Amino acid sequence: MSLDPWGNGRLPQSGQVPGMLAADADRERTVDVLKAAFAEGRLQQQEYEHRMSTAYQARTYGELQLLVRDLPQGPSPMSAQMSPPMGYVPRTFLPAPPRTNTSAIASFVCGLAGTFTLVTAIPAVILGHKARKEIRSNGEAGDGFAVAGLVLGWIVSGFLGLIMLFVMIGMVSGSG
């Protein structure tokens, strides 16, 4: 059994030996993690500047890992079998997903409630149409909720209409 550089008998899980020389890309990934940590308020200005300068001077993976080991995301050395797809962007640097339209959620809830109460079917339809219009103009998420609310609302409204029709036919035929 070969010993690792620390002498505990196993290699690091990432597959990178701490003594292995780091590339410029590895230093840049570490700097990106430090920038994100500073922007999130995890590092103070002086500590951030010190770690940044140390990252640019680091020669090995071990030195880079020490700089980010206490942060939520460390340098991500890529092995041949675990390389990300082209254009991969770490989640930390992606824009926040669009918020879900509240009218769409309300439409869905009213549509579900309408299957039991029959009363909230019409608000489900109204809120569903309102939500779809807002989603198209604002770019919000939740179109699926709005469509589901619309469908449930129309189905329950149709069912309610049929019940009313049968009641009216029964009243007319019963009085004649």
C-alpha atoms as a PDB file:
ATOM      1  CA  MET A   1       0.000   0.000   0.000  1.00  0.00           C
ATOM      2  CA  SER A   2       1.406   3.373  -0.973  1.00  0.00           C
ATOM      3  CA  LEU A   3       1.260   6.154   1.550  1.00  0.00           C
ATOM      4  CA  ASP A   4      -0.044   9.561   0.740  1.00  0.00           C
ATOM      5  CA  PRO A   5       1.930  12.746   1.504  1.00  0.00           C
ATOM      6  CA  TRP A   6       0.337  12.960   4.979  1.00  0.00           C
ATOM      7  CA  GLY A   7       1.297   9.400   5.869  1.00  0.00           C
ATOM      8  CA  ASN A   8      -2.194   8.126   6.726  1.00  0.00           C
ATOM      9  CA  GLY A   9      -2.352   5.460   3.999  1.00  0.00           C
ATOM     10  CA  ARG A  10      -4.918   6.930   1.618  1.00  0.00           C
ATOM     11  CA  LEU A  11      -5.122   9.554  -1.092  1.00  0.00           C
ATOM     12  CA  PRO A  12      -7.486  12.514  -0.948  1.00  0.00           C
ATOM     13  CA  GLN A  13     -11.011  11.856  -2.243  1.00  0.00           C
ATOM     14  CA  SER A  14     -10.721  14.480  -4.986  1.00  0.00           C
ATOM     15  CA  GLY A  15      -7.989  12.424  -6.588  1.00  0.00           C
ATOM     16  CA  GLN A  16      -5.499  15.303  -6.367  1.00  0.00           C
ATOM     17  CA  VAL A  17      -2.363  14.957  -4.306  1.00  0.00           C
ATOM     18  CA  PRO A  18      -1.799  18.089  -2.184  1.00  0.00           C
ATOM     19  CA  GLY A  19       1.809  18.224  -3.348  1.00  0.00           C
ATOM     20  CA  MET A  20       0.807  18.228  -7.040  1.00  0.00           C
ATOM     21  CA  LEU A  21       1.567  21.486  -8.824  1.00  0.00           C
ATOM     22  CA  ALA A  22      -1.477  23.671  -9.426  1.00  0.00           C
ATOM     23  CA  ALA A  23      -2.288  25.262 -12.765  1.00  0.00           C
ATOM     24  CA  ASP A  24      -3.380  28.848 -13.379  1.00  0.00           C
ATOM     25  CA  ALA A  25      -6.939  27.588 -13.867  1.00  0.00           C
ATOM     26  CA  ASP A  26      -6.851  26.017 -10.381  1.00  0.00           C
ATOM     27  CA  ARG A  27      -5.716  29.314  -8.874  1.00  0.00           C
ATOM     28  CA  GLU A  28      -8.508  31.142 -10.731  1.00  0.00           C
ATOM     29  CA  ARG A  29     -11.132  28.706  -9.408  1.00  0.00           C
ATOM     30  CA  THR A  30      -9.844  29.300  -5.893  1.00  0.00           C
ATOM     31  CA  VAL A  31      -9.949  33.075  -6.414  1.00  0.00           C
ATOM     32  CA  ASP A  32     -13.543  32.756  -7.657  1.00  0.00           C
ATOM     33  CA  VAL A  33     -14.498  30.936  -4.452  1.00  0.00           C
ATOM     34  CA  LEU A  34     -12.788  33.628  -2.375  1.00  0.00           C
ATOM     35  CA  LYS A  35     -14.596  36.385  -4.284  1.00  0.00           C
ATOM     36  CA  ALA A  36     -17.938  34.682  -3.678  1.00  0.00           C
ATOM     37  CA  ALA A  37     -17.163  34.229   0.018  1.00  0.00           C
ATOM     38  CA  PHE A  38     -16.205  37.908   0.336  1.00  0.00           C
ATOM     39  CA  ALA A  39     -19.363  39.010  -1.491  1.00  0.00           C
ATOM     40  CA  GLU A  40     -21.458  36.831   0.852  1.00  0.00           C
ATOM     41  CA  GLY A  41     -19.824  38.410   3.909  1.00  0.00           C
ATOM     42  CA  ARG A  42     -17.926  35.284   4.961  1.00  0.00           C
ATOM     43  CA  LEU A  43     -14.528  36.995   4.791  1.00  0.00           C
ATOM     44  CA  GLN A  44     -13.442  40.395   6.043  1.00  0.00           C
ATOM     45  CA  GLN A  45     -11.556  42.755   3.709  1.00  0.00           C
ATOM     46  CA  GLN A  46      -8.096  42.150   5.195  1.00  0.00           C
ATOM     47  CA  GLU A  47      -8.484  38.367   5.295  1.00  0.00           C
ATOM     48  CA  TYR A  48      -9.875  38.374   1.732  1.00  0.00           C
ATOM     49  CA  GLU A  49      -6.910  40.375   0.407  1.00  0.00           C
ATOM     50  CA  HIS A  50      -4.428  38.125   2.224  1.00  0.00           C
ATOM     51  CA  ARG A  51      -6.008  34.932   0.878  1.00  0.00           C
ATOM     52  CA  MET A  52      -6.179  36.397  -2.642  1.00  0.00           C
ATOM     53  CA  SER A  53      -2.493  37.230  -2.721  1.00  0.00           C
ATOM     54  CA  THR A  54      -1.637  33.835  -1.239  1.00  0.00           C
ATOM     55  CA  ALA A  55      -3.791  32.102  -3.879  1.00  0.00           C
ATOM     56  CA  TYR A  56      -1.947  33.784  -6.731  1.00  0.00           C
ATOM     57  CA  GLN A  57       1.393  32.728  -5.191  1.00  0.00           C
ATOM     58  CA  ALA A  58       0.304  29.140  -4.379  1.00  0.00           C
ATOM     59  CA  ARG A  59       2.217  26.408  -6.158  1.00  0.00           C
ATOM     60  CA  THR A  60       0.326  23.249  -5.102  1.00  0.00           C
ATOM     61  CA  TYR A  61      -3.223  21.948  -4.697  1.00  0.00           C
ATOM     62  CA  GLY A  62      -2.611  21.600  -0.975  1.00  0.00           C
ATOM     63  CA  GLU A  63      -1.856  25.314  -0.638  1.00  0.00           C
ATOM     64  CA  LEU A  64      -5.036  26.194  -2.553  1.00  0.00           C
ATOM     65  CA  GLN A  65      -7.170  23.789  -0.527  1.00  0.00           C
ATOM     66  CA  LEU A  66      -5.961  25.374   2.705  1.00  0.00           C
ATOM     67  CA  LEU A  67      -7.230  28.759   1.518  1.00  0.00           C
ATOM     68  CA  VAL A  68     -10.808  27.597   0.989  1.00  0.00           C
ATOM     69  CA  ARG A  69     -11.238  24.605   3.289  1.00  0.00           C
ATOM     70  CA  ASP A  70     -13.440  26.605   5.708  1.00  0.00           C
ATOM     71  CA  LEU A  71     -15.661  27.977   2.929  1.00  0.00           C
ATOM     72  CA  PRO A  72     -18.778  26.284   1.513  1.00  0.00           C
ATOM     73  CA  GLN A  73     -17.183  25.588  -1.868  1.00  0.00           C
ATOM     74  CA  GLY A  74     -13.552  24.689  -2.423  1.00  0.00           C
ATOM     75  CA  PRO A  75     -11.436  24.530  -5.564  1.00  0.00           C
ATOM     76  CA  SER A  76     -12.849  21.907  -7.850  1.00  0.00           C
ATOM     77  CA  PRO A  77      -9.958  20.077  -9.477  1.00  0.00           C
ATOM     78  CA  MET A  78     -11.318  18.162 -12.418  1.00  0.00           C
ATOM     79  CA  SER A  79     -10.339  14.581 -12.953  1.00  0.00           C
ATOM     80  CA  ALA A  80     -10.765  13.068 -16.409  1.00  0.00           C
ATOM     81  CA  GLN A  81     -13.787  11.006 -15.329  1.00  0.00           C
ATOM     82  CA  MET A  82     -15.593  13.831 -13.493  1.00  0.00           C
ATOM     83  CA  SER A  83     -15.122  16.806 -15.791  1.00  0.00           C
ATOM     84  CA  PRO A  84     -18.192  19.040 -16.089  1.00  0.00           C
ATOM     85  CA  PRO A  85     -19.866  19.707 -19.431  1.00  0.00           C
ATOM     86  CA  MET A  86     -18.689  22.590 -21.596  1.00  0.00           C
ATOM     87  CA  GLY A  87     -20.083  25.896 -20.419  1.00  0.00           C
ATOM     88  CA  TYR A  88     -20.522  24.672 -16.836  1.00  0.00           C
ATOM     89  CA  VAL A  89     -20.922  27.528 -14.361  1.00  0.00           C
ATOM     90  CA  PRO A  90     -20.783  26.883 -10.600  1.00  0.00           C
ATOM     91  CA  ARG A  91     -24.141  27.499  -8.925  1.00  0.00           C
ATOM     92  CA  THR A  92     -22.642  30.274  -6.810  1.00  0.00           C
ATOM     93  CA  PHE A  93     -22.210  32.456  -9.885  1.00  0.00           C
ATOM     94  CA  LEU A  94     -25.557  31.807 -11.571  1.00  0.00           C
ATOM     95  CA  PRO A  95     -28.360  34.379 -11.388  1.00  0.00           C
ATOM     96  CA  ALA A  96     -31.183  33.651  -8.966  1.00  0.00           C
ATOM     97  CA  PRO A  97     -34.060  31.708 -10.485  1.00  0.00           C
ATOM     98  CA  PRO A  98     -37.168  33.755 -11.300  1.00  0.00           C
ATOM     99  CA  ARG A  99     -39.722  33.960  -8.521  1.00  0.00           C
ATOM    100  CA  THR A 100     -42.999  32.092  -8.871  1.00  0.00           C
ATOM    101  CA  ASN A 101     -46.031  34.242  -9.607  1.00  0.00           C
ATOM    102  CA  THR A 102     -48.304  34.405  -6.555  1.00  0.00           C
ATOM    103  CA  SER A 103     -51.484  34.600  -8.647  1.00  0.00           C
ATOM    104  CA  ALA A 104     -50.484  31.324 -10.314  1.00  0.00           C
ATOM    105  CA  ILE A 105     -50.106  29.632  -6.935  1.00  0.00           C
ATOM    106  CA  ALA A 106     -53.435  31.108  -5.773  1.00  0.00           C
ATOM    107  CA  SER A 107     -55.115  29.867  -8.978  1.00  0.00           C
ATOM    108  CA  PHE A 108     -53.815  26.353  -8.385  1.00  0.00           C
ATOM    109  CA  VAL A 109     -54.909  26.371  -4.737  1.00  0.00           C
ATOM    110  CA  CYS A 110     -58.378  27.694  -5.666  1.00  0.00           C
ATOM    111  CA  GLY A 111     -58.656  25.041  -8.389  1.00  0.00           C
ATOM    112  CA  LEU A 112     -57.783  22.278  -5.923  1.00  0.00           C
ATOM    113  CA  ALA A 113     -60.156  23.665  -3.314  1.00  0.00           C
ATOM    114  CA  GLY A 114     -62.844  23.985  -5.978  1.00  0.00           C
ATOM    115  CA  THR A 115     -62.863  20.226  -6.458  1.00  0.00           C
ATOM    116  CA  PHE A 116     -64.187  19.951  -2.890  1.00  0.00           C
ATOM    117  CA  THR A 117     -66.131  23.178  -2.368  1.00  0.00           C
ATOM    118  CA  LEU A 118     -67.177  24.120  -5.926  1.00  0.00           C
ATOM    119  CA  VAL A 119     -67.129  27.768  -4.798  1.00  0.00           C
ATOM    120  CA  THR A 120     -63.518  28.590  -5.623  1.00  0.00           C
ATOM    121  CA  ALA A 121     -63.626  27.363  -9.224  1.00  0.00           C
ATOM    122  CA  ILE A 122     -64.427  30.763 -10.713  1.00  0.00           C
ATOM    123  CA  PRO A 123     -61.652  32.555  -8.756  1.00  0.00           C
ATOM    124  CA  ALA A 124     -59.273  29.817 -10.002  1.00  0.00           C
ATOM    125  CA  VAL A 125     -60.113  30.675 -13.609  1.00  0.00           C
ATOM    126  CA  ILE A 126     -59.834  34.434 -13.052  1.00  0.00           C
ATOM    127  CA  LEU A 127     -56.541  34.140 -11.153  1.00  0.00           C
ATOM    128  CA  GLY A 128     -55.172  31.697 -13.745  1.00  0.00           C
ATOM    129  CA  HIS A 129     -55.766  34.118 -16.627  1.00  0.00           C
ATOM    130  CA  LYS A 130     -54.346  37.010 -14.570  1.00  0.00           C
ATOM    131  CA  ALA A 131     -51.262  34.957 -13.666  1.00  0.00           C
ATOM    132  CA  ARG A 132     -50.554  33.913 -17.261  1.00  0.00           C
ATOM    133  CA  LYS A 133     -50.709  37.553 -18.375  1.00  0.00           C
ATOM    134  CA  GLU A 134     -48.330  38.614 -15.564  1.00  0.00           C
ATOM    135  CA  ILE A 135     -45.954  35.728 -16.309  1.00  0.00           C
ATOM    136  CA  ARG A 136     -45.728  36.705 -19.985  1.00  0.00           C
ATOM    137  CA  SER A 137     -45.028  40.354 -19.148  1.00  0.00           C
ATOM    138  CA  ASN A 138     -42.711  39.903 -16.111  1.00  0.00           C
ATOM    139  CA  GLY A 139     -40.864  36.685 -16.973  1.00  0.00           C
ATOM    140  CA  GLU A 140     -41.831  35.062 -13.678  1.00  0.00           C
ATOM    141  CA  ALA A 141     -42.101  31.314 -13.149  1.00  0.00           C
ATOM    142  CA  GLY A 142     -45.304  29.444 -12.373  1.00  0.00           C
ATOM    143  CA  ASP A 143     -47.006  28.956 -15.727  1.00  0.00           C
ATOM    144  CA  GLY A 144     -47.649  25.311 -14.831  1.00  0.00           C
ATOM    145  CA  PHE A 145     -49.479  26.343 -11.661  1.00  0.00           C
ATOM    146  CA  ALA A 146     -51.562  28.857 -13.618  1.00  0.00           C
ATOM    147  CA  VAL A 147     -52.514  26.313 -16.298  1.00  0.00           C
ATOM    148  CA  ALA A 148     -53.364  23.681 -13.676  1.00  0.00           C
ATOM    149  CA  GLY A 149     -55.536  26.220 -11.834  1.00  0.00           C
ATOM    150  CA  LEU A 150     -57.271  27.139 -15.081  1.00  0.00           C
ATOM    151  CA  VAL A 151     -57.946  23.528 -16.038  1.00  0.00           C
ATOM    152  CA  LEU A 152     -59.254  22.610 -12.592  1.00  0.00           C
ATOM    153  CA  GLY A 153     -61.336  25.767 -12.446  1.00  0.00           C
ATOM    154  CA  TRP A 154     -62.938  25.155 -15.852  1.00  0.00           C
ATOM    155  CA  ILE A 155     -63.614  21.481 -15.114  1.00  0.00           C
ATOM    156  CA  VAL A 156     -65.251  22.257 -11.791  1.00  0.00           C
ATOM    157  CA  SER A 157     -67.189  25.180 -13.331  1.00  0.00           C
ATOM    158  CA  GLY A 158     -68.442  22.876 -16.104  1.00  0.00           C
ATOM    159  CA  PHE A 159     -69.443  20.289 -13.542  1.00  0.00           C
ATOM    160  CA  LEU A 160     -71.224  22.975 -11.502  1.00  0.00           C
ATOM    161  CA  GLY A 161     -72.994  24.183 -14.669  1.00  0.00           C
ATOM    162  CA  LEU A 162     -74.200  20.645 -15.425  1.00  0.00           C
ATOM    163  CA  ILE A 163     -75.523  20.256 -11.901  1.00  0.00           C
ATOM    164  CA  MET A 164     -77.406  23.560 -12.207  1.00  0.00           C
ATOM    165  CA  LEU A 165     -78.789  22.488 -15.606  1.00  0.00           C
ATOM    166  CA  PHE A 166     -80.077  19.179 -14.225  1.00  0.00           C
ATOM    167  CA  VAL A 167     -81.596  20.929 -11.212  1.00  0.00           C
ATOM    168  CA  MET A 168     -83.397  23.420 -13.484  1.00  0.00           C
ATOM    169  CA  ILE A 169     -84.652  20.614 -15.782  1.00  0.00           C
ATOM    170  CA  GLY A 170     -85.867  18.716 -12.739  1.00  0.00           C
ATOM    171  CA  MET A 171     -87.688  21.779 -11.439  1.00  0.00           C
ATOM    172  CA  VAL A 172     -89.346  22.483 -14.809  1.00  0.00           C
ATOM    173  CA  SER A 173     -90.394  18.870 -15.382  1.00  0.00           C
ATOM    174  CA  GLY A 174     -91.561  18.476 -11.762  1.00  0.00           C
ATOM    175  CA  SER A 175     -93.829  21.551 -11.835  1.00  0.00           C
ATOM    176  CA  GLY A 176     -95.510  20.712 -15.172  1.00  0.00           C
END
